[in-house]
Amino acid sequence: MEITTDQLPEWICPSCGSRTRDHPAISRTDNKTKVCSRCGVLEAFKNYVEATARQEDQPVNGIKSE
């Protein structure tokens, strides 16, 4: 038996306040709070951008690009 999203209970995302029936994502901020899929994706992108920015400030093989 396949479960569809309309069969899941409605809940409110604590991050953005939207009502959803989607399967929740786990927040990257504390690794336990359930957030909506959209907020989960936004947190992942933010995490990626921050990590990329940190890497660009680090030298590659001891040589910092200019």
Protein backbone atom coordinates (compact mmCIF):
# COMPACT_ATOMS: atom_id res chain seq x y z
CA MET A 1 0.00 0.00 0.00
CA GLU A 2 1.44 3.33 -1.06
CA ILE A 3 0.98 6.36 1.19
CA THR A 4 0.33 9.67 -0.54
CA THR A 5 1.03 13.11 0.93
CA ASP A 6 -2.70 13.86 1.31
CA GLN A 7 -2.84 10.95 3.79
CA LEU A 8 -0.11 12.46 5.99
CA PRO A 9 -1.02 14.78 8.85
CA GLU A 10 -0.65 18.51 8.26
CA TRP A 11 2.08 20.19 10.28
CA ILE A 12 3.66 23.66 10.50
CA CYS A 13 7.31 24.20 9.68
CA PRO A 14 8.96 25.89 12.69
CA SER A 15 11.42 27.68 10.40
CA CYS A 16 9.09 29.42 7.93
CA GLY A 17 5.65 28.85 9.44
CA SER A 18 4.15 27.23 6.35
CA ARG A 19 1.57 24.45 6.58
CA THR A 20 2.55 21.27 4.79
CA ARG A 21 1.84 17.57 4.49
CA ASP A 22 5.23 16.78 2.95
CA HIS A 23 7.71 14.44 4.55
CA PRO A 24 9.93 16.64 6.75
CA ALA A 25 13.65 17.28 6.38
CA ILE A 26 15.95 17.43 9.39
CA SER A 27 17.32 20.89 10.08
CA ARG A 28 21.08 21.31 9.77
CA THR A 29 21.10 23.79 12.65
CA ASP A 30 20.53 21.18 15.37
CA ASN A 31 20.19 17.88 13.46
CA LYS A 32 16.85 17.09 15.12
CA THR A 33 14.23 19.73 14.28
CA LYS A 34 11.87 18.74 11.47
CA VAL A 35 11.52 21.45 8.81
CA CYS A 36 9.69 21.56 5.47
CA SER A 37 11.45 20.43 2.31
CA ARG A 38 11.89 24.01 1.09
CA CYS A 39 13.63 25.09 4.31
CA GLY A 40 15.76 21.94 4.22
CA VAL A 41 16.95 22.78 0.72
CA LEU A 42 17.59 26.44 1.65
CA GLU A 43 19.67 25.34 4.66
CA ALA A 44 21.67 22.98 2.45
CA PHE A 45 22.39 25.71 -0.12
CA LYS A 46 23.37 28.16 2.62
CA ASN A 47 25.69 25.53 4.10
CA TYR A 48 27.25 24.90 0.68
CA VAL A 49 27.78 28.60 -0.06
CA GLU A 50 29.40 29.18 3.34
CA ALA A 51 31.69 26.17 2.92
CA THR A 52 32.67 27.27 -0.59
CA ALA A 53 33.45 30.79 0.63
CA ARG A 54 35.68 29.38 3.39
CA GLN A 55 37.51 27.18 0.86
CA GLU A 56 38.19 30.13 -1.44
CA ASP A 57 39.99 31.87 1.43
CA GLN A 58 42.26 28.86 1.96
CA PRO A 59 45.49 28.33 0.01
CA VAL A 60 45.55 25.45 -2.46
CA ASN A 61 48.72 23.37 -2.08
CA GLY A 62 50.20 26.18 -0.02
CA ILE A 63 49.65 28.79 -2.78
CA LYS A 64 46.91 31.35 -2.28
CA SER A 65 45.30 32.55 -5.50
CA GLU A 66 45.20 36.29 -6.11
